[in-house]
Amino acid sequence: MVIAEFTLGNALLTTLSIFFFVIWIWILITIISDLFRDHELSGAWKAIWLLFLVFIPFLTAFVYLIARGGGMRDRSIKAQAEARRHFDDYVRQTAGNGGSSPVDELAKLTELKSKGAITDDEFNQMKAKLLA
């Protein structure tokens, strides 16, 4: 029976093999994404790196990680900082004024003034602050 021959040791080796295979795929994806993220590297060099990654994958990956590992870190940090800056700008733009334009705020102030909730002086102060 085939199942009886599959021992605990075989199961552990299979699990370990799958683990290293996933790590290998992760390393390749990281290297390839770094290749395309690097704007200083020409298209020909990118093609050469990819060609070597296909035909001599282990050696090429190790050479790439040794030769360009520091640059990978710098490019990754720069990309994350840029993404964070874009996100912060988006949040400031969206939530900075409460989602309403100065025209909407002025209309609300005029409505408050017409209801008598604020005085003319308060209206003029708020209007000046809004338009500044």
N, C-alpha and C. Protein backbone atom coordinates (compact mmCIF):
# COMPACT_ATOMS: atom_id res chain seq x y z
N MET A 1 0.84 -1.17 0.00
CA MET A 1 0.00 0.00 0.00
C MET A 1 0.89 1.24 0.00
N VAL A 2 0.59 2.23 -0.83
CA VAL A 2 1.42 3.40 -1.00
C VAL A 2 1.37 4.30 0.22
N ILE A 3 0.22 4.46 0.83
CA ILE A 3 0.08 5.35 1.98
C ILE A 3 0.90 4.85 3.15
N ALA A 4 1.02 3.56 3.30
CA ALA A 4 1.78 3.01 4.42
C ALA A 4 3.27 3.31 4.28
N GLU A 5 3.75 3.53 3.07
CA GLU A 5 5.16 3.81 2.85
C GLU A 5 5.49 5.30 3.03
N PHE A 6 4.49 6.12 3.17
CA PHE A 6 4.69 7.56 3.36
C PHE A 6 4.80 7.82 4.86
N THR A 7 6.03 7.88 5.34
CA THR A 7 6.27 7.99 6.77
C THR A 7 6.28 9.44 7.22
N LEU A 8 6.44 9.62 8.52
CA LEU A 8 6.53 10.97 9.09
C LEU A 8 7.74 11.71 8.53
N GLY A 9 8.85 11.00 8.35
CA GLY A 9 10.04 11.61 7.77
C GLY A 9 9.79 12.10 6.36
N ASN A 10 9.07 11.31 5.58
CA ASN A 10 8.72 11.73 4.22
C ASN A 10 7.80 12.96 4.24
N ALA A 11 6.88 12.99 5.19
CA ALA A 11 5.98 14.13 5.30
C ALA A 11 6.75 15.39 5.66
N LEU A 12 7.71 15.28 6.58
CA LEU A 12 8.52 16.44 6.96
C LEU A 12 9.38 16.92 5.80
N LEU A 13 9.96 15.97 5.06
CA LEU A 13 10.76 16.35 3.89
C LEU A 13 9.91 17.03 2.82
N THR A 14 8.70 16.54 2.63
CA THR A 14 7.80 17.16 1.66
C THR A 14 7.44 18.57 2.10
N THR A 15 7.14 18.74 3.38
CA THR A 15 6.81 20.07 3.91
C THR A 15 8.00 21.01 3.75
N LEU A 16 9.19 20.52 4.06
CA LEU A 16 10.40 21.33 3.93
C LEU A 16 10.65 21.71 2.48
N SER A 17 10.42 20.77 1.58
CA SER A 17 10.60 21.05 0.14
C SER A 17 9.63 22.12 -0.33
N ILE A 18 8.38 22.04 0.09
CA ILE A 18 7.40 23.04 -0.29
C ILE A 18 7.78 24.40 0.28
N PHE A 19 8.26 24.41 1.53
CA PHE A 19 8.69 25.65 2.17
C PHE A 19 9.81 26.32 1.37
N PHE A 20 10.83 25.57 1.00
CA PHE A 20 11.94 26.14 0.25
C PHE A 20 11.53 26.55 -1.16
N PHE A 21 10.59 25.82 -1.75
CA PHE A 21 10.09 26.19 -3.07
C PHE A 21 9.37 27.54 -3.01
N VAL A 22 8.55 27.74 -1.98
CA VAL A 22 7.84 29.01 -1.82
C VAL A 22 8.83 30.15 -1.59
N ILE A 23 9.85 29.90 -0.77
CA ILE A 23 10.88 30.92 -0.54
C ILE A 23 11.59 31.26 -1.85
N TRP A 24 11.90 30.25 -2.64
CA TRP A 24 12.58 30.47 -3.91
C TRP A 24 11.73 31.33 -4.85
N ILE A 25 10.45 31.04 -4.94
CA ILE A 25 9.55 31.83 -5.78
C ILE A 25 9.48 33.27 -5.25
N TRP A 26 9.44 33.43 -3.94
CA TRP A 26 9.40 34.76 -3.32
C TRP A 26 10.67 35.55 -3.67
N ILE A 27 11.82 34.90 -3.61
CA ILE A 27 13.08 35.57 -3.95
C ILE A 27 13.09 35.98 -5.42
N LEU A 28 12.62 35.11 -6.29
CA LEU A 28 12.57 35.45 -7.72
C LEU A 28 11.64 36.63 -7.98
N ILE A 29 10.49 36.63 -7.35
CA ILE A 29 9.55 37.75 -7.54
C ILE A 29 10.17 39.04 -7.01
N THR A 30 10.86 38.96 -5.88
CA THR A 30 11.50 40.14 -5.31
C THR A 30 12.59 40.68 -6.25
N ILE A 31 13.39 39.79 -6.79
CA ILE A 31 14.46 40.21 -7.71
C ILE A 31 13.87 40.81 -8.98
N ILE A 32 12.85 40.17 -9.54
CA ILE A 32 12.26 40.67 -10.78
C ILE A 32 11.58 42.02 -10.55
N SER A 33 10.88 42.16 -9.43
CA SER A 33 10.24 43.46 -9.16
C SER A 33 11.28 44.54 -8.92
N ASP A 34 12.41 44.19 -8.29
CA ASP A 34 13.47 45.17 -8.11
C ASP A 34 14.11 45.55 -9.44
N LEU A 35 14.25 44.59 -10.33
CA LEU A 35 14.79 44.90 -11.66
C LEU A 35 13.93 45.95 -12.36
N PHE A 36 12.63 45.78 -12.31
CA PHE A 36 11.75 46.71 -13.01
C PHE A 36 11.55 48.01 -12.25
N ARG A 37 11.85 48.02 -10.96
CA ARG A 37 11.74 49.25 -10.17
C ARG A 37 12.95 50.15 -10.38
N ASP A 38 14.10 49.58 -10.75
CA ASP A 38 15.34 50.33 -10.89
C ASP A 38 15.33 51.11 -12.20
N HIS A 39 15.28 52.44 -12.10
CA HIS A 39 15.24 53.27 -13.30
C HIS A 39 16.64 53.61 -13.81
N GLU A 40 17.66 53.31 -13.03
CA GLU A 40 19.03 53.59 -13.46
C GLU A 40 19.58 52.48 -14.37
N LEU A 41 18.99 51.31 -14.30
CA LEU A 41 19.43 50.17 -15.09
C LEU A 41 18.75 50.21 -16.46
N SER A 42 19.53 50.03 -17.52
CA SER A 42 18.94 50.09 -18.86
C SER A 42 18.12 48.83 -19.14
N GLY A 43 17.31 48.92 -20.18
CA GLY A 43 16.47 47.79 -20.57
C GLY A 43 17.28 46.58 -20.99
N ALA A 44 18.44 46.82 -21.61
CA ALA A 44 19.28 45.70 -22.04
C ALA A 44 19.82 44.93 -20.83
N TRP A 45 20.26 45.65 -19.81
CA TRP A 45 20.76 44.98 -18.61
C TRP A 45 19.65 44.23 -17.90
N LYS A 46 18.46 44.79 -17.90
CA LYS A 46 17.33 44.10 -17.29
C LYS A 46 17.04 42.79 -18.03
N ALA A 47 17.10 42.85 -19.36
CA ALA A 47 16.88 41.65 -20.17
C ALA A 47 17.96 40.61 -19.91
N ILE A 48 19.21 41.06 -19.78
CA ILE A 48 20.30 40.12 -19.51
C ILE A 48 20.12 39.46 -18.15
N TRP A 49 19.77 40.24 -17.12
CA TRP A 49 19.53 39.66 -15.79
C TRP A 49 18.41 38.63 -15.86
N LEU A 50 17.32 38.96 -16.57
CA LEU A 50 16.19 38.03 -16.67
C LEU A 50 16.59 36.77 -17.44
N LEU A 51 17.37 36.94 -18.48
CA LEU A 51 17.83 35.78 -19.25
C LEU A 51 18.66 34.85 -18.38
N PHE A 52 19.58 35.41 -17.60
CA PHE A 52 20.38 34.58 -16.71
C PHE A 52 19.53 33.97 -15.59
N LEU A 53 18.52 34.70 -15.13
CA LEU A 53 17.63 34.14 -14.10
C LEU A 53 16.86 32.93 -14.62
N VAL A 54 16.58 32.91 -15.91
CA VAL A 54 15.86 31.78 -16.49
C VAL A 54 16.79 30.58 -16.67
N PHE A 55 18.01 30.82 -17.18
CA PHE A 55 18.89 29.70 -17.54
C PHE A 55 19.84 29.28 -16.43
N ILE A 56 20.26 30.17 -15.58
CA ILE A 56 21.14 29.83 -14.46
C ILE A 56 20.55 30.48 -13.20
N PRO A 57 19.41 29.99 -12.74
CA PRO A 57 18.65 30.72 -11.73
C PRO A 57 19.34 30.86 -10.37
N PHE A 58 19.89 29.78 -9.83
CA PHE A 58 20.44 29.87 -8.47
C PHE A 58 21.67 30.77 -8.42
N LEU A 59 22.59 30.57 -9.32
CA LEU A 59 23.81 31.37 -9.33
C LEU A 59 23.48 32.85 -9.60
N THR A 60 22.61 33.10 -10.56
CA THR A 60 22.24 34.47 -10.88
C THR A 60 21.55 35.16 -9.71
N ALA A 61 20.67 34.44 -9.03
CA ALA A 61 19.97 35.03 -7.87
C ALA A 61 20.96 35.38 -6.77
N PHE A 62 21.89 34.48 -6.50
CA PHE A 62 22.87 34.76 -5.46
C PHE A 62 23.78 35.93 -5.84
N VAL A 63 24.22 35.98 -7.09
CA VAL A 63 25.05 37.09 -7.55
C VAL A 63 24.27 38.40 -7.47
N TYR A 64 23.01 38.37 -7.89
CA TYR A 64 22.19 39.58 -7.84
C TYR A 64 22.02 40.07 -6.41
N LEU A 65 21.73 39.16 -5.50
CA LEU A 65 21.53 39.55 -4.10
C LEU A 65 22.81 40.08 -3.48
N ILE A 66 23.95 39.54 -3.86
CA ILE A 66 25.22 40.02 -3.31
C ILE A 66 25.60 41.36 -3.94
N ALA A 67 25.49 41.44 -5.27
CA ALA A 67 25.95 42.64 -5.97
C ALA A 67 25.00 43.83 -5.82
N ARG A 68 23.70 43.58 -5.79
CA ARG A 68 22.74 44.67 -5.80
C ARG A 68 21.81 44.67 -4.59
N GLY A 69 22.16 43.93 -3.55
CA GLY A 69 21.31 43.82 -2.37
C GLY A 69 21.08 45.13 -1.65
N GLY A 70 22.14 45.94 -1.49
CA GLY A 70 21.98 47.24 -0.84
C GLY A 70 21.09 48.17 -1.62
N GLY A 71 21.20 48.13 -2.93
CA GLY A 71 20.35 48.95 -3.78
C GLY A 71 18.90 48.51 -3.72
N MET A 72 18.69 47.20 -3.56
CA MET A 72 17.33 46.69 -3.43
C MET A 72 16.66 47.30 -2.21
N ARG A 73 17.38 47.35 -1.13
CA ARG A 73 16.84 47.91 0.11
C ARG A 73 16.51 49.39 -0.07
N ASP A 74 17.43 50.13 -0.67
CA ASP A 74 17.21 51.56 -0.87
C ASP A 74 16.02 51.83 -1.78
N ARG A 75 15.91 51.06 -2.88
CA ARG A 75 14.79 51.26 -3.80
C ARG A 75 13.46 50.89 -3.13
N SER A 76 13.47 49.86 -2.31
CA SER A 76 12.26 49.46 -1.61
C SER A 76 11.83 50.53 -0.61
N ILE A 77 12.77 51.06 0.15
CA ILE A 77 12.46 52.12 1.11
C ILE A 77 11.94 53.36 0.39
N LYS A 78 12.56 53.69 -0.74
CA LYS A 78 12.13 54.86 -1.50
C LYS A 78 10.71 54.67 -2.04
N ALA A 79 10.41 53.47 -2.55
CA ALA A 79 9.07 53.20 -3.07
C ALA A 79 8.02 53.25 -1.96
N GLN A 80 8.36 52.71 -0.79
CA GLN A 80 7.42 52.75 0.33
C GLN A 80 7.20 54.18 0.81
N ALA A 81 8.26 54.98 0.86
CA ALA A 81 8.12 56.37 1.28
C ALA A 81 7.27 57.16 0.28
N GLU A 82 7.46 56.89 -1.00
CA GLU A 82 6.67 57.57 -2.01
C GLU A 82 5.20 57.17 -1.93
N ALA A 83 4.94 55.89 -1.71
CA ALA A 83 3.56 55.43 -1.57
C ALA A 83 2.91 56.05 -0.33
N ARG A 84 3.67 56.15 0.75
CA ARG A 84 3.13 56.76 1.97
C ARG A 84 2.85 58.26 1.74
N ARG A 85 3.74 58.94 1.03
CA ARG A 85 3.54 60.36 0.75
C ARG A 85 2.27 60.56 -0.09
N HIS A 86 2.08 59.71 -1.10
CA HIS A 86 0.88 59.82 -1.93
C HIS A 86 -0.38 59.56 -1.09
N PHE A 87 -0.31 58.58 -0.21
CA PHE A 87 -1.45 58.28 0.65
C PHE A 87 -1.74 59.44 1.59
N ASP A 88 -0.70 60.00 2.21
CA ASP A 88 -0.89 61.14 3.11
C ASP A 88 -1.47 62.35 2.37
N ASP A 89 -0.99 62.60 1.15
CA ASP A 89 -1.54 63.70 0.36
C ASP A 89 -3.01 63.47 0.05
N TYR A 90 -3.34 62.23 -0.27
CA TYR A 90 -4.74 61.90 -0.56
C TYR A 90 -5.62 62.11 0.67
N VAL A 91 -5.14 61.67 1.82
CA VAL A 91 -5.91 61.83 3.05
C VAL A 91 -6.08 63.31 3.37
N ARG A 92 -5.00 64.09 3.25
CA ARG A 92 -5.09 65.53 3.52
C ARG A 92 -6.06 66.20 2.56
N GLN A 93 -5.98 65.81 1.30
CA GLN A 93 -6.85 66.42 0.29
C GLN A 93 -8.31 66.05 0.54
N THR A 94 -8.57 64.83 0.92
CA THR A 94 -9.94 64.37 1.11
C THR A 94 -10.53 64.85 2.42
N ALA A 95 -9.78 64.72 3.50
CA ALA A 95 -10.32 65.04 4.82
C ALA A 95 -9.93 66.42 5.33
N GLY A 96 -9.04 67.09 4.64
CA GLY A 96 -8.54 68.36 5.12
C GLY A 96 -9.60 69.42 5.30
N ASN A 97 -10.52 69.51 4.39
CA ASN A 97 -11.56 70.53 4.51
C ASN A 97 -12.92 69.91 4.84
N GLY A 98 -12.92 68.69 5.37
CA GLY A 98 -14.17 68.05 5.75
C GLY A 98 -14.99 67.59 4.56
N GLY A 99 -14.38 67.58 3.40
CA GLY A 99 -15.09 67.11 2.22
C GLY A 99 -15.98 68.17 1.58
N SER A 100 -15.92 69.41 2.06
CA SER A 100 -16.75 70.46 1.48
C SER A 100 -15.87 71.58 0.94
N SER A 101 -16.37 72.25 -0.05
CA SER A 101 -15.62 73.34 -0.67
C SER A 101 -15.87 74.65 0.07
N PRO A 102 -15.04 75.67 -0.16
CA PRO A 102 -15.27 76.98 0.46
C PRO A 102 -16.63 77.59 0.10
N VAL A 103 -17.12 77.28 -1.08
CA VAL A 103 -18.42 77.80 -1.49
C VAL A 103 -19.52 77.19 -0.61
N ASP A 104 -19.42 75.89 -0.32
CA ASP A 104 -20.39 75.25 0.56
C ASP A 104 -20.33 75.84 1.97
N GLU A 105 -19.12 76.08 2.46
CA GLU A 105 -18.97 76.66 3.80
C GLU A 105 -19.56 78.07 3.84
N LEU A 106 -19.35 78.84 2.78
CA LEU A 106 -19.90 80.19 2.72
C LEU A 106 -21.43 80.16 2.69
N ALA A 107 -22.00 79.20 1.97
CA ALA A 107 -23.46 79.04 1.94
C ALA A 107 -23.99 78.70 3.33
N LYS A 108 -23.27 77.85 4.07
CA LYS A 108 -23.68 77.51 5.43
C LYS A 108 -23.62 78.73 6.35
N LEU A 109 -22.55 79.52 6.18
CA LEU A 109 -22.43 80.74 6.99
C LEU A 109 -23.56 81.72 6.69
N THR A 110 -23.90 81.87 5.41
CA THR A 110 -24.99 82.77 5.02
C THR A 110 -26.32 82.29 5.60
N GLU A 111 -26.53 80.99 5.60
CA GLU A 111 -27.74 80.42 6.17
C GLU A 111 -27.81 80.67 7.68
N LEU A 112 -26.67 80.50 8.37
CA LEU A 112 -26.62 80.76 9.80
C LEU A 112 -26.90 82.24 10.09
N LYS A 113 -26.37 83.10 9.25
CA LYS A 113 -26.58 84.54 9.43
C LYS A 113 -28.05 84.90 9.23
N SER A 114 -28.67 84.30 8.19
CA SER A 114 -30.07 84.61 7.91
C SER A 114 -31.00 84.09 9.01
N LYS A 115 -30.62 83.00 9.68
CA LYS A 115 -31.42 82.47 10.80
C LYS A 115 -31.18 83.25 12.09
N GLY A 116 -30.14 84.06 12.09
CA GLY A 116 -29.84 84.84 13.29
C GLY A 116 -28.96 84.09 14.28
N ALA A 117 -28.37 82.99 13.86
CA ALA A 117 -27.51 82.22 14.76
C ALA A 117 -26.17 82.91 14.98
N ILE A 118 -25.72 83.68 14.01
CA ILE A 118 -24.47 84.43 14.15
C ILE A 118 -24.73 85.88 13.78
N THR A 119 -23.89 86.76 14.32
CA THR A 119 -24.03 88.19 14.05
C THR A 119 -23.28 88.56 12.78
N ASP A 120 -23.47 89.81 12.34
CA ASP A 120 -22.76 90.28 11.15
C ASP A 120 -21.25 90.27 11.36
N ASP A 121 -20.79 90.66 12.54
CA ASP A 121 -19.34 90.66 12.82
C ASP A 121 -18.78 89.24 12.78
N GLU A 122 -19.50 88.30 13.39
CA GLU A 122 -19.04 86.90 13.38
C GLU A 122 -19.03 86.36 11.94
N PHE A 123 -20.06 86.72 11.18
CA PHE A 123 -20.13 86.29 9.79
C PHE A 123 -18.93 86.81 9.01
N ASN A 124 -18.61 88.10 9.18
CA ASN A 124 -17.49 88.69 8.45
C ASN A 124 -16.16 88.08 8.87
N GLN A 125 -15.99 87.78 10.17
CA GLN A 125 -14.75 87.15 10.65
C GLN A 125 -14.60 85.75 10.06
N MET A 126 -15.68 84.97 10.12
CA MET A 126 -15.62 83.60 9.59
C MET A 126 -15.42 83.61 8.07
N LYS A 127 -16.04 84.58 7.39
CA LYS A 127 -15.90 84.67 5.95
C LYS A 127 -14.45 85.03 5.58
N ALA A 128 -13.85 85.94 6.33
CA ALA A 128 -12.45 86.32 6.06
C ALA A 128 -11.52 85.13 6.32
N LYS A 129 -11.79 84.39 7.38
CA LYS A 129 -10.95 83.21 7.69
C LYS A 129 -11.12 82.13 6.62
N LEU A 130 -12.33 81.98 6.12
CA LEU A 130 -12.61 80.98 5.11
C LEU A 130 -11.96 81.34 3.77
N LEU A 131 -11.96 82.59 3.43
CA LEU A 131 -11.40 83.03 2.14
C LEU A 131 -9.88 83.24 2.20
N ALA A 132 -9.30 83.23 3.39
CA ALA A 132 -7.85 83.45 3.52
C ALA A 132 -7.06 82.23 3.11
